[in-house]
Amino acid sequence: MLKIAHMKKEYWDVSDEQVVEKTGKKIAEWIKILDKFKAKEKKSNDVVAYLQTEYDVPRYWARTLTTLYLKSST
């Protein structure tokens, strides 16, 4: 199980509009992708790397999506 360090909420509390603008997909689409990847069972750095390599997501947004995903699934 992944553990998330305490982060300020504004780092991961983003809108669909922001996510679409920066990544081309809505939050719900990323949630499905991360579910399929079984992100909850992986290290957060591996999830970030997956988003960067497989979907060309910028590092900041890969980290934001990973944190958002893990926070929303707890």
N, C-alpha and C. Protein backbone atom coordinates (compact mmCIF):
# COMPACT_ATOMS: atom_id res chain seq x y z
N MET A 1 0.85 -1.19 0.00
CA MET A 1 0.00 0.00 0.00
C MET A 1 0.89 1.24 0.00
N LEU A 2 0.53 2.18 -0.81
CA LEU A 2 1.30 3.41 -0.91
C LEU A 2 1.01 4.35 0.25
N LYS A 3 2.03 5.02 0.68
CA LYS A 3 1.86 6.06 1.69
C LYS A 3 2.18 7.39 1.05
N ILE A 4 1.37 8.38 1.33
CA ILE A 4 1.57 9.71 0.78
C ILE A 4 2.04 10.62 1.91
N ALA A 5 3.13 11.30 1.66
CA ALA A 5 3.61 12.28 2.64
C ALA A 5 2.58 13.40 2.74
N HIS A 6 2.57 14.04 3.87
CA HIS A 6 1.64 15.17 4.03
C HIS A 6 2.00 16.26 3.05
N MET A 7 1.05 16.60 2.22
CA MET A 7 1.25 17.64 1.21
C MET A 7 0.16 18.68 1.38
N LYS A 8 0.47 19.88 1.01
CA LYS A 8 -0.56 20.91 1.03
C LYS A 8 -1.63 20.54 0.02
N LYS A 9 -2.88 20.72 0.42
CA LYS A 9 -3.99 20.31 -0.42
C LYS A 9 -3.96 20.97 -1.79
N GLU A 10 -3.50 22.21 -1.87
CA GLU A 10 -3.52 22.90 -3.17
C GLU A 10 -2.60 22.23 -4.21
N TYR A 11 -1.69 21.38 -3.75
CA TYR A 11 -0.82 20.68 -4.70
C TYR A 11 -1.57 19.60 -5.48
N TRP A 12 -2.61 19.04 -4.89
CA TRP A 12 -3.33 17.98 -5.57
C TRP A 12 -4.81 18.26 -5.75
N ASP A 13 -5.32 19.33 -5.18
CA ASP A 13 -6.73 19.68 -5.31
C ASP A 13 -6.89 20.56 -6.55
N VAL A 14 -6.97 19.91 -7.70
CA VAL A 14 -7.01 20.61 -8.98
C VAL A 14 -8.35 20.35 -9.67
N SER A 15 -8.68 21.22 -10.59
CA SER A 15 -9.95 21.09 -11.32
C SER A 15 -9.76 20.26 -12.59
N ASP A 16 -10.87 19.73 -13.08
CA ASP A 16 -10.86 19.02 -14.35
C ASP A 16 -10.29 19.91 -15.46
N GLU A 17 -10.70 21.18 -15.43
CA GLU A 17 -10.25 22.12 -16.45
C GLU A 17 -8.72 22.24 -16.47
N GLN A 18 -8.12 22.34 -15.29
CA GLN A 18 -6.66 22.43 -15.20
C GLN A 18 -6.00 21.16 -15.73
N VAL A 19 -6.54 20.02 -15.33
CA VAL A 19 -5.96 18.74 -15.73
C VAL A 19 -6.07 18.55 -17.25
N VAL A 20 -7.23 18.86 -17.81
CA VAL A 20 -7.40 18.74 -19.27
C VAL A 20 -6.42 19.66 -20.00
N GLU A 21 -6.30 20.87 -19.51
CA GLU A 21 -5.40 21.84 -20.14
C GLU A 21 -3.95 21.35 -20.16
N LYS A 22 -3.52 20.71 -19.08
CA LYS A 22 -2.12 20.31 -18.96
C LYS A 22 -1.83 18.89 -19.44
N THR A 23 -2.88 18.03 -19.47
CA THR A 23 -2.63 16.62 -19.80
C THR A 23 -3.46 16.09 -20.97
N GLY A 24 -4.51 16.83 -21.33
CA GLY A 24 -5.37 16.39 -22.43
C GLY A 24 -6.46 15.41 -22.03
N LYS A 25 -6.52 15.04 -20.76
CA LYS A 25 -7.55 14.12 -20.29
C LYS A 25 -8.20 14.65 -19.02
N LYS A 26 -9.46 14.22 -18.79
CA LYS A 26 -10.16 14.59 -17.56
C LYS A 26 -9.67 13.71 -16.40
N ILE A 27 -9.93 14.19 -15.19
CA ILE A 27 -9.53 13.45 -13.99
C ILE A 27 -10.11 12.04 -14.02
N ALA A 28 -11.37 11.89 -14.38
CA ALA A 28 -12.02 10.57 -14.41
C ALA A 28 -11.28 9.61 -15.35
N GLU A 29 -10.78 10.13 -16.46
CA GLU A 29 -10.01 9.29 -17.40
C GLU A 29 -8.71 8.82 -16.75
N TRP A 30 -8.05 9.72 -16.04
CA TRP A 30 -6.81 9.34 -15.36
C TRP A 30 -7.07 8.33 -14.26
N ILE A 31 -8.18 8.48 -13.55
CA ILE A 31 -8.53 7.52 -12.50
C ILE A 31 -8.67 6.12 -13.10
N LYS A 32 -9.36 6.02 -14.24
CA LYS A 32 -9.52 4.73 -14.91
C LYS A 32 -8.17 4.16 -15.34
N ILE A 33 -7.32 5.00 -15.89
CA ILE A 33 -5.99 4.57 -16.32
C ILE A 33 -5.19 4.05 -15.13
N LEU A 34 -5.24 4.79 -14.02
CA LEU A 34 -4.47 4.39 -12.84
C LEU A 34 -5.07 3.16 -12.17
N ASP A 35 -6.38 3.00 -12.22
CA ASP A 35 -7.01 1.76 -11.72
C ASP A 35 -6.51 0.57 -12.53
N LYS A 36 -6.55 0.71 -13.85
CA LYS A 36 -6.11 -0.37 -14.74
C LYS A 36 -4.64 -0.73 -14.50
N PHE A 37 -3.83 0.28 -14.21
CA PHE A 37 -2.40 0.09 -13.92
C PHE A 37 -2.19 -0.50 -12.52
N LYS A 38 -3.24 -0.55 -11.70
CA LYS A 38 -3.17 -1.01 -10.30
C LYS A 38 -2.20 -0.13 -9.50
N ALA A 39 -2.38 1.17 -9.66
CA ALA A 39 -1.49 2.15 -9.04
C ALA A 39 -1.44 2.04 -7.52
N LYS A 40 -2.55 1.63 -6.90
CA LYS A 40 -2.56 1.52 -5.44
C LYS A 40 -1.56 0.49 -4.93
N GLU A 41 -1.20 -0.46 -5.78
CA GLU A 41 -0.30 -1.54 -5.39
C GLU A 41 1.17 -1.21 -5.69
N LYS A 42 1.41 -0.05 -6.27
CA LYS A 42 2.77 0.30 -6.69
C LYS A 42 3.33 1.48 -5.88
N LYS A 43 4.63 1.65 -5.95
CA LYS A 43 5.26 2.81 -5.32
C LYS A 43 4.87 4.06 -6.09
N SER A 44 4.68 5.15 -5.37
CA SER A 44 4.23 6.38 -6.03
C SER A 44 5.20 6.84 -7.11
N ASN A 45 6.51 6.67 -6.89
CA ASN A 45 7.48 7.07 -7.91
C ASN A 45 7.33 6.24 -9.18
N ASP A 46 6.94 4.99 -9.04
CA ASP A 46 6.71 4.13 -10.22
C ASP A 46 5.47 4.58 -10.98
N VAL A 47 4.47 5.04 -10.26
CA VAL A 47 3.24 5.53 -10.90
C VAL A 47 3.56 6.82 -11.67
N VAL A 48 4.30 7.71 -11.04
CA VAL A 48 4.70 8.96 -11.70
C VAL A 48 5.49 8.64 -12.97
N ALA A 49 6.44 7.73 -12.88
CA ALA A 49 7.26 7.37 -14.04
C ALA A 49 6.39 6.76 -15.14
N TYR A 50 5.43 5.95 -14.77
CA TYR A 50 4.51 5.34 -15.74
C TYR A 50 3.75 6.43 -16.52
N LEU A 51 3.20 7.39 -15.79
CA LEU A 51 2.47 8.47 -16.46
C LEU A 51 3.38 9.28 -17.38
N GLN A 52 4.59 9.50 -16.95
CA GLN A 52 5.54 10.27 -17.77
C GLN A 52 5.93 9.51 -19.03
N THR A 53 6.24 8.23 -18.89
CA THR A 53 6.74 7.48 -20.04
C THR A 53 5.63 7.01 -20.97
N GLU A 54 4.53 6.53 -20.41
CA GLU A 54 3.47 5.97 -21.24
C GLU A 54 2.51 7.02 -21.81
N TYR A 55 2.36 8.13 -21.09
CA TYR A 55 1.38 9.15 -21.50
C TYR A 55 1.99 10.53 -21.71
N ASP A 56 3.30 10.62 -21.55
CA ASP A 56 4.01 11.88 -21.78
C ASP A 56 3.48 13.02 -20.90
N VAL A 57 3.11 12.68 -19.68
CA VAL A 57 2.61 13.67 -18.72
C VAL A 57 3.81 14.37 -18.08
N PRO A 58 3.82 15.70 -18.05
CA PRO A 58 4.92 16.41 -17.38
C PRO A 58 5.04 15.97 -15.92
N ARG A 59 6.26 15.95 -15.41
CA ARG A 59 6.51 15.42 -14.06
C ARG A 59 5.59 16.03 -12.99
N TYR A 60 5.47 17.33 -12.98
CA TYR A 60 4.62 17.98 -11.97
C TYR A 60 3.21 17.41 -12.01
N TRP A 61 2.67 17.28 -13.20
CA TRP A 61 1.29 16.79 -13.34
C TRP A 61 1.19 15.30 -13.09
N ALA A 62 2.23 14.56 -13.40
CA ALA A 62 2.24 13.13 -13.07
C ALA A 62 2.19 12.95 -11.56
N ARG A 63 2.97 13.75 -10.84
CA ARG A 63 2.97 13.70 -9.37
C ARG A 63 1.61 14.14 -8.83
N THR A 64 1.06 15.21 -9.38
CA THR A 64 -0.24 15.72 -8.94
C THR A 64 -1.32 14.67 -9.15
N LEU A 65 -1.36 14.06 -10.32
CA LEU A 65 -2.37 13.03 -10.61
C LEU A 65 -2.21 11.81 -9.70
N THR A 66 -0.98 11.42 -9.45
CA THR A 66 -0.73 10.29 -8.57
C THR A 66 -1.23 10.58 -7.17
N THR A 67 -0.92 11.74 -6.65
CA THR A 67 -1.37 12.12 -5.31
C THR A 67 -2.88 12.24 -5.26
N LEU A 68 -3.46 12.89 -6.25
CA LEU A 68 -4.92 13.02 -6.33
C LEU A 68 -5.58 11.65 -6.32
N TYR A 69 -5.06 10.75 -7.11
CA TYR A 69 -5.60 9.39 -7.20
C TYR A 69 -5.53 8.69 -5.83
N LEU A 70 -4.39 8.75 -5.21
CA LEU A 70 -4.21 8.05 -3.93
C LEU A 70 -5.04 8.69 -2.83
N LYS A 71 -5.16 10.00 -2.84
CA LYS A 71 -5.99 10.68 -1.84
C LYS A 71 -7.47 10.35 -2.04
N SER A 72 -7.88 10.25 -3.30
CA SER A 72 -9.30 10.01 -3.58
C SER A 72 -9.70 8.56 -3.32
N SER A 73 -8.72 7.68 -3.25
CA SER A 73 -9.04 6.27 -3.07
C SER A 73 -8.82 5.79 -1.64
N THR A 74 -8.58 6.72 -0.73
CA THR A 74 -8.37 6.31 0.67
C THR A 74 -9.64 6.40 1.47
